[in-house]
Amino acid sequence: MPIPSDSRTVVAALSGGVDSSVAALLLKRDGRAVIGLSMQLWDYGDAAGREFGSCCSLADFKDARRVASSLDIPYYVVNMEEEFRRDVVGRFVGDYLNGRTPNPCVECNRSIKFDALLRKALALGASTIATGHYARLAFDREEREWRLLRGCDTDKDQSYFLYPLRQEQMKKTVFPVGELSKEEVRACAREADLPVAQKPESQDICFAGSDYVGFLEREISSDGDGPHGVVRDEEGHVLGQHRGVWRYTVGQRRGLGLSHPEPLYVLSVDAERNEVTVGHEERLYRRAFRAANVNWLRRFAAEKPLEADVAIRYNHPGARALVTPRDGSAFVEFKTPQRAPAPGQSAVFYVGDEVVGGGVIEKGAA
């Protein structure tokens, strides 16, 4: 792959969507030597049957190639199926089997886009990678640290998914659309006559589509039937049966298969006991939890307890909490109890618009 060894060379990760395409466009206009690169992460042989608006299909590669041709930049596809299967899909399936609710986009950013892809780009002589994430990076000259900030378009902000970034990765990354709104991004694409200017956004998990339960059925067993267990209420009364704990997540109401005079919600999932506990909605609210595998983006955040806004899922507005660092983990205590912090989901810590850290919610929320 003939990438020039030049400090101005950027590998733009092209997904075939409008955001990454405009990111490459803006870099080209800035005078950078841009190389378009797409990652083959999954076997897309059945992509033709997938619903319109899903991502990572063969059609997306064709769109990415058309964009690269329109921008007159080189374009390549790299195969990362093995890494993706091991680090993203394998963990996704394993977490559900263990009664957790994973976020595969966070893991993809951690292990694929800003690890495997960045190493590939640097090995080929590029100095930087670029993605179409709605987020911003800034350098704190006084502290000599990079800062991860929310995207200017608060409705599209993707900083939540990027909390695993490390200082050495941020140093070698650019987010060209982070200062723009979605409307401005589409306007740029239309002005440049990019072939994806009006392409709809992808909404699904790229490898599972909108039916993640069906995907898990295919991955876990040939007949889609896991080991049967019981569904209980908080007093221990058996209310019904389930066909695999991986079908349930904390906060879930639909699909419980229970006959009850009042609405019930999943309060906890115990894979070891093969049990699901349900109860009334008010029992979903928790004041505190432990976050494991915490990545601190800023030194000051890791040194002592701090007040932060903590988001416990994507699009959660964040709630005020005291975050106390504890040997690779953090104890999060909210000022006001929050609904359904689900084990396996990411908790991301914000000070103003800045992501200062984040980790994975553990079981045992209080």
Protein backbone atom coordinates (compact mmCIF):
# COMPACT_ATOMS: atom_id res chain seq x y z
CA MET A 1 0.00 0.00 0.00
CA PRO A 2 1.99 3.04 -1.22
CA ILE A 3 1.30 5.63 1.48
CA PRO A 4 3.84 8.47 1.39
CA SER A 5 5.89 8.93 4.56
CA ASP A 6 4.96 12.53 5.27
CA SER A 7 3.93 14.31 8.46
CA ARG A 8 1.04 15.80 6.51
CA THR A 9 -0.34 12.39 5.50
CA VAL A 10 -3.65 11.41 7.09
CA VAL A 11 -5.47 8.10 6.85
CA ALA A 12 -9.19 8.88 6.75
CA ALA A 13 -11.37 6.01 7.95
CA LEU A 14 -14.14 5.91 5.33
CA SER A 15 -17.32 4.12 6.37
CA GLY A 16 -19.27 5.03 3.24
CA GLY A 17 -21.37 7.54 5.18
CA VAL A 18 -21.58 11.30 4.87
CA ASP A 19 -19.71 12.14 8.09
CA SER A 20 -16.47 10.32 7.30
CA SER A 21 -16.68 11.46 3.67
CA VAL A 22 -16.88 15.12 4.68
CA ALA A 23 -14.04 14.56 7.15
CA ALA A 24 -11.86 13.45 4.24
CA LEU A 25 -13.10 16.37 2.13
CA LEU A 26 -12.15 18.93 4.78
CA LEU A 27 -8.70 17.44 5.20
CA LYS A 28 -8.13 17.51 1.45
CA ARG A 29 -9.15 21.18 1.37
CA ASP A 30 -6.70 21.83 4.20
CA GLY A 31 -3.87 20.64 2.01
CA ARG A 32 -3.33 17.31 3.73
CA ALA A 33 -2.29 14.21 1.81
CA VAL A 34 -5.35 12.04 2.43
CA ILE A 35 -5.57 8.28 2.08
CA GLY A 36 -9.05 6.74 2.23
CA LEU A 37 -9.22 3.46 4.08
CA SER A 38 -12.15 1.20 4.93
CA MET A 39 -12.09 -1.70 7.36
CA GLN A 40 -13.60 -5.06 6.44
CA LEU A 41 -14.85 -6.15 9.82
CA TRP A 42 -17.51 -8.77 9.09
CA ASP A 43 -18.67 -11.23 6.46
CA TYR A 44 -21.08 -9.05 4.52
CA GLY A 45 -22.22 -11.76 2.12
CA ASP A 46 -25.82 -11.44 3.33
CA ALA A 47 -25.81 -7.64 3.33
CA ALA A 48 -28.21 -7.46 0.40
CA GLY A 49 -30.97 -8.71 2.66
CA ARG A 50 -30.38 -6.20 5.41
CA GLU A 51 -32.70 -3.31 6.07
CA PHE A 52 -32.03 0.02 4.42
CA GLY A 53 -30.04 2.29 6.69
CA SER A 54 -27.85 -0.37 8.28
CA CYS A 55 -24.11 0.11 7.98
CA CYS A 56 -21.01 -1.84 7.04
CA SER A 57 -22.37 -3.56 3.94
CA LEU A 58 -20.74 -4.10 0.57
CA ALA A 59 -22.75 -1.12 -0.64
CA ASP A 60 -20.95 1.03 1.94
CA PHE A 61 -17.58 0.01 0.51
CA LYS A 62 -18.81 0.97 -2.95
CA ASP A 63 -19.93 4.34 -1.64
CA ALA A 64 -16.58 4.89 0.08
CA ARG A 65 -14.76 4.08 -3.15
CA ARG A 66 -16.97 6.53 -5.06
CA VAL A 67 -16.22 9.23 -2.51
CA ALA A 68 -12.48 8.59 -2.76
CA SER A 69 -12.71 8.81 -6.55
CA SER A 70 -14.65 12.08 -6.28
CA LEU A 71 -11.97 13.50 -3.97
CA ASP A 72 -9.16 12.07 -6.10
CA ILE A 73 -7.52 10.29 -3.18
CA PRO A 74 -6.16 6.74 -2.96
CA TYR A 75 -8.52 4.20 -1.43
CA TYR A 76 -7.88 0.82 0.19
CA VAL A 77 -9.75 -1.80 2.18
CA VAL A 78 -8.00 -3.58 5.04
CA ASN A 79 -9.25 -6.85 6.47
CA MET A 80 -9.71 -6.73 10.25
CA GLU A 81 -12.31 -9.47 10.55
CA GLU A 82 -10.21 -11.56 12.94
CA GLU A 83 -9.60 -8.68 15.35
CA PHE A 84 -13.24 -7.58 15.16
CA ARG A 85 -14.58 -11.08 15.76
CA ARG A 86 -12.30 -11.57 18.75
CA ASP A 87 -12.35 -8.15 20.41
CA VAL A 88 -15.81 -6.81 19.61
CA VAL A 89 -18.23 -9.58 18.64
CA GLY A 90 -16.76 -12.14 21.03
CA ARG A 91 -17.01 -9.73 23.95
CA PHE A 92 -20.52 -8.68 22.90
CA VAL A 93 -21.75 -12.27 22.99
CA GLY A 94 -19.82 -13.10 26.15
CA ASP A 95 -21.20 -10.11 28.02
CA TYR A 96 -24.80 -11.01 27.21
CA LEU A 97 -24.18 -14.60 28.32
CA ASN A 98 -22.89 -13.17 31.60
CA GLY A 99 -26.02 -11.08 32.15
CA ARG A 100 -24.48 -7.79 31.09
CA THR A 101 -25.47 -5.16 28.52
CA PRO A 102 -22.41 -4.30 26.40
CA ASN A 103 -21.78 -1.34 24.13
CA PRO A 104 -19.99 -2.70 21.05
CA CYS A 105 -19.34 0.77 19.61
CA VAL A 106 -17.18 1.65 22.62
CA GLU A 107 -15.21 -1.57 22.25
CA CYS A 108 -14.83 -1.06 18.49
CA ASN A 109 -13.34 2.37 19.11
CA ARG A 110 -11.06 1.01 21.81
CA SER A 111 -9.65 -2.03 20.06
CA ILE A 112 -10.22 -1.47 16.34
CA LYS A 113 -10.40 2.16 15.19
CA PHE A 114 -7.97 3.74 17.62
CA ASP A 115 -5.74 0.74 18.18
CA ALA A 116 -5.51 -1.67 15.25
CA LEU A 117 -6.31 0.93 12.58
CA LEU A 118 -4.02 3.56 14.09
CA ARG A 119 -1.15 1.08 14.29
CA LYS A 120 -1.77 0.10 10.67
CA ALA A 121 -1.74 3.73 9.55
CA LEU A 122 1.45 4.57 11.47
CA ALA A 123 3.22 1.47 10.18
CA LEU A 124 2.44 2.60 6.64
CA GLY A 125 3.99 6.03 7.12
CA ALA A 126 0.99 8.20 7.95
CA SER A 127 1.16 10.52 10.93
CA THR A 128 -2.54 10.76 11.80
CA ILE A 129 -5.91 9.07 11.44
CA ALA A 130 -9.20 10.90 10.93
CA THR A 131 -12.76 9.75 11.57
CA GLY A 132 -16.19 11.29 11.16
CA HIS A 133 -16.99 11.35 14.87
CA TYR A 134 -18.85 14.33 16.26
CA ALA A 135 -16.31 15.18 18.93
CA ARG A 136 -13.44 17.63 19.39
CA LEU A 137 -9.85 17.49 20.55
CA ALA A 138 -7.89 20.34 22.09
CA PHE A 139 -4.43 20.62 23.66
CA ASP A 140 -3.95 21.95 27.18
CA ARG A 141 -0.58 23.69 26.88
CA GLU A 142 -0.25 24.29 30.61
CA GLU A 143 -0.84 20.66 31.60
CA ARG A 144 0.66 19.27 28.37
CA GLU A 145 -2.35 17.01 27.87
CA TRP A 146 -4.90 16.45 25.15
CA ARG A 147 -8.56 17.09 25.96
CA LEU A 148 -11.59 15.26 24.53
CA LEU A 149 -14.62 17.53 24.17
CA ARG A 150 -18.23 17.09 23.11
CA GLY A 151 -19.04 17.78 19.48
CA CYS A 152 -20.55 21.19 18.78
CA ASP A 153 -23.75 19.52 17.57
CA THR A 154 -25.09 18.33 20.91
CA ASP A 155 -27.74 16.18 19.20
CA LYS A 156 -25.04 14.21 17.36
CA ASP A 157 -22.25 14.33 19.95
CA GLN A 158 -20.33 11.02 20.06
CA SER A 159 -17.79 11.78 22.78
CA TYR A 160 -19.51 9.17 24.98
CA PHE A 161 -18.16 6.38 22.74
CA LEU A 162 -14.61 7.77 22.80
CA TYR A 163 -13.76 7.74 26.50
CA PRO A 164 -11.26 4.83 26.06
CA LEU A 165 -8.92 7.13 24.09
CA ARG A 166 -5.44 7.53 25.53
CA GLN A 167 -3.18 10.56 25.31
CA GLU A 168 -0.89 9.00 22.70
CA GLN A 169 -3.92 8.14 20.54
CA MET A 170 -5.49 11.60 20.77
CA LYS A 171 -2.16 13.09 19.72
CA LYS A 172 -2.42 11.19 16.43
CA THR A 173 -6.16 11.67 15.76
CA VAL A 174 -8.31 14.38 14.20
CA PHE A 175 -12.09 14.80 14.16
CA PRO A 176 -12.69 17.20 11.24
CA VAL A 177 -16.49 17.41 11.60
CA GLY A 178 -16.50 17.94 15.36
CA GLU A 179 -16.98 21.70 15.00
CA LEU A 180 -19.91 21.30 12.59
CA SER A 181 -23.59 20.48 12.87
CA LYS A 182 -25.11 17.61 10.92
CA GLU A 183 -26.85 20.14 8.66
CA GLU A 184 -23.50 21.82 7.93
CA VAL A 185 -21.91 18.46 7.17
CA ARG A 186 -24.63 17.63 4.65
CA ALA A 187 -24.32 21.12 3.15
CA CYS A 188 -20.58 20.55 2.66
CA ALA A 189 -21.29 17.21 0.99
CA ARG A 190 -23.88 18.74 -1.34
CA GLU A 191 -21.60 21.65 -2.23
CA ALA A 192 -18.80 19.23 -3.13
CA ASP A 193 -21.29 17.00 -4.99
CA LEU A 194 -20.27 13.97 -2.94
CA PRO A 195 -22.29 10.87 -3.92
CA VAL A 196 -23.34 10.22 -0.31
CA ALA A 197 -24.64 13.73 0.46
CA GLN A 198 -28.21 12.51 1.06
CA LYS A 199 -27.41 9.03 2.35
CA PRO A 200 -29.46 8.11 5.46
CA GLU A 201 -27.68 7.53 8.75
CA SER A 202 -27.01 4.03 10.00
CA GLN A 203 -28.75 3.24 13.28
CA ASP A 204 -28.06 -0.41 13.96
CA ILE A 205 -25.28 -2.47 15.47
CA CYS A 206 -23.21 -3.02 12.35
CA PHE A 207 -22.81 -6.79 12.69
CA ALA A 208 -26.22 -7.58 14.21
CA GLY A 209 -28.64 -5.17 12.54
CA SER A 210 -31.72 -4.13 14.50
CA ASP A 211 -32.43 -7.66 15.80
CA TYR A 212 -29.59 -8.26 18.24
CA VAL A 213 -31.55 -11.05 19.98
CA GLY A 214 -31.81 -12.93 16.69
CA PHE A 215 -28.08 -12.44 16.18
CA LEU A 216 -27.36 -13.83 19.64
CA GLU A 217 -29.63 -16.80 18.97
CA ARG A 218 -27.56 -17.67 15.92
CA GLU A 219 -24.28 -17.20 17.76
CA ILE A 220 -25.18 -19.01 20.95
CA SER A 221 -27.15 -22.08 19.79
CA SER A 222 -28.54 -23.64 16.66
CA ASP A 223 -32.14 -23.64 17.92
CA GLY A 224 -32.06 -20.25 19.63
CA ASP A 225 -32.94 -21.85 22.96
CA GLY A 226 -30.65 -21.20 25.90
CA PRO A 227 -30.73 -22.96 29.27
CA HIS A 228 -34.11 -22.37 30.88
CA GLY A 229 -34.31 -20.49 34.17
CA VAL A 230 -36.78 -18.68 36.35
CA VAL A 231 -38.08 -15.14 36.50
CA ARG A 232 -38.67 -13.98 40.08
CA ASP A 233 -39.93 -10.92 41.85
CA GLU A 234 -37.87 -9.28 44.59
CA GLU A 235 -39.53 -11.41 47.27
CA GLY A 236 -38.35 -14.56 45.50
CA HIS A 237 -41.70 -15.64 44.08
CA VAL A 238 -41.41 -17.43 40.73
CA LEU A 239 -43.43 -15.55 38.12
CA GLY A 240 -42.40 -17.45 35.02
CA GLN A 241 -39.63 -19.00 32.95
CA HIS A 242 -37.04 -17.57 30.60
CA ARG A 243 -35.06 -19.13 27.72
CA GLY A 244 -31.68 -17.54 28.38
CA VAL A 245 -30.52 -14.61 30.50
CA TRP A 246 -28.97 -13.01 27.44
CA ARG A 247 -32.47 -12.07 26.25
CA TYR A 248 -32.83 -9.57 29.10
CA THR A 249 -31.28 -6.28 30.17
CA VAL A 250 -31.82 -4.05 33.19
CA GLY A 251 -34.72 -1.67 32.58
CA GLN A 252 -36.40 -3.87 29.97
CA ARG A 253 -40.20 -4.01 30.01
CA ARG A 254 -41.26 -5.58 26.72
CA GLY A 255 -40.84 -9.23 25.87
CA LEU A 256 -40.87 -10.56 29.43
CA GLY A 257 -43.64 -13.06 28.67
CA LEU A 258 -45.29 -12.54 32.04
CA SER A 259 -48.95 -12.13 32.95
CA HIS A 260 -49.19 -9.56 35.69
CA PRO A 261 -51.74 -6.86 36.58
CA GLU A 262 -49.05 -4.15 36.72
CA PRO A 263 -46.11 -3.31 34.41
CA LEU A 264 -42.90 -5.09 35.42
CA TYR A 265 -39.31 -4.27 34.53
CA VAL A 266 -36.06 -6.21 34.66
CA LEU A 267 -34.26 -5.19 37.84
CA SER A 268 -31.29 -7.56 37.62
CA VAL A 269 -29.90 -10.45 35.59
CA ASP A 270 -27.96 -13.18 37.41
CA ALA A 271 -26.17 -15.41 34.90
CA GLU A 272 -24.55 -17.56 37.59
CA ARG A 273 -27.92 -18.47 39.11
CA ASN A 274 -29.61 -18.30 35.69
CA GLU A 275 -32.30 -16.01 37.09
CA VAL A 276 -33.97 -12.76 36.10
CA THR A 277 -35.48 -10.52 38.77
CA VAL A 278 -38.33 -8.17 37.89
CA GLY A 279 -40.23 -5.49 39.76
CA HIS A 280 -41.90 -2.11 39.59
CA GLU A 281 -40.31 0.79 37.76
CA GLU A 282 -39.45 2.78 40.87
CA ARG A 283 -37.13 -0.06 41.90
CA LEU A 284 -34.90 0.66 38.90
CA TYR A 285 -33.52 3.85 40.41
CA ARG A 286 -30.02 3.67 41.88
CA ARG A 287 -27.94 6.18 43.79
CA ALA A 288 -24.48 4.61 43.40
CA PHE A 289 -22.41 2.02 41.53
CA ARG A 290 -18.83 1.01 40.86
CA ALA A 291 -17.29 1.54 37.44
CA ALA A 292 -14.51 -0.89 36.50
CA ASN A 293 -11.73 -0.68 33.90
CA VAL A 294 -11.71 3.10 34.17
CA ASN A 295 -9.71 5.11 31.66
CA TRP A 296 -8.73 8.52 32.98
CA LEU A 297 -8.13 10.94 30.13
CA ARG A 298 -6.83 13.64 32.48
CA ARG A 299 -4.40 13.33 35.36
CA PHE A 300 -6.32 15.66 37.67
CA ALA A 301 -9.43 13.47 37.44
CA ALA A 302 -7.58 10.38 38.65
CA GLU A 303 -5.99 12.06 41.67
CA LYS A 304 -8.92 12.77 43.99
CA PRO A 305 -12.74 12.77 44.17
CA LEU A 306 -14.38 15.22 41.76
CA GLU A 307 -17.82 16.51 40.92
CA ALA A 308 -18.82 15.46 37.42
CA ASP A 309 -21.82 14.90 35.19
CA VAL A 310 -22.02 11.14 34.62
CA ALA A 311 -23.75 9.68 31.55
CA ILE A 312 -24.81 6.06 32.10
CA ARG A 313 -25.85 5.34 28.52
CA TYR A 314 -25.66 7.05 25.12
CA ASN A 315 -28.08 9.99 24.97
CA HIS A 316 -28.39 10.04 28.76
CA PRO A 317 -28.11 13.76 29.61
CA GLY A 318 -25.74 13.07 32.47
CA ALA A 319 -26.43 13.53 36.17
CA ARG A 320 -24.40 15.25 38.85
CA ALA A 321 -22.31 12.83 40.88
CA LEU A 322 -19.27 12.52 43.08
CA VAL A 323 -16.71 10.32 41.31
CA THR A 324 -14.06 8.77 43.58
CA PRO A 325 -11.04 7.04 41.97
CA ARG A 326 -10.20 3.59 43.40
CA ASP A 327 -7.26 1.60 41.94
CA GLY A 328 -8.38 1.29 38.31
CA SER A 329 -12.04 1.71 39.17
CA ALA A 330 -14.27 4.51 40.43
CA PHE A 331 -17.16 4.81 42.84
CA VAL A 332 -19.99 6.95 41.46
CA GLU A 333 -22.52 8.47 43.83
CA PHE A 334 -25.34 10.54 42.30
CA LYS A 335 -26.96 13.55 43.89
CA THR A 336 -30.29 12.22 42.61
CA PRO A 337 -30.95 8.49 41.95
CA GLN A 338 -30.78 7.53 38.26
CA ARG A 339 -32.91 5.05 36.34
CA ALA A 340 -31.49 1.65 35.39
CA PRO A 341 -27.69 1.86 35.34
CA ALA A 342 -27.12 -1.43 33.50
CA PRO A 343 -24.06 -3.61 34.23
CA GLY A 344 -21.88 -3.72 31.13
CA GLN A 345 -22.86 -0.27 29.90
CA SER A 346 -20.37 2.59 29.97
CA ALA A 347 -20.41 5.39 32.52
CA VAL A 348 -18.68 8.49 31.15
CA PHE A 349 -17.54 11.36 33.35
CA TYR A 350 -17.87 14.95 32.07
CA VAL A 351 -16.57 18.20 33.52
CA GLY A 352 -18.39 20.78 31.45
CA ASP A 353 -17.97 19.70 27.83
CA GLU A 354 -14.86 17.65 28.55
CA VAL A 355 -14.63 13.88 28.96
CA VAL A 356 -12.25 13.30 31.86
CA GLY A 357 -12.77 9.55 32.25
CA GLY A 358 -15.10 6.60 31.94
CA GLY A 359 -15.53 2.95 32.80
CA VAL A 360 -17.90 -0.01 32.75
CA ILE A 361 -20.82 -0.22 35.18
CA GLU A 362 -20.50 -3.18 37.51
CA LYS A 363 -23.24 -5.19 39.20
CA GLY A 364 -24.35 -4.30 42.71
CA ALA A 365 -25.63 -0.76 42.12
CA ALA A 366 -27.24 0.63 45.25
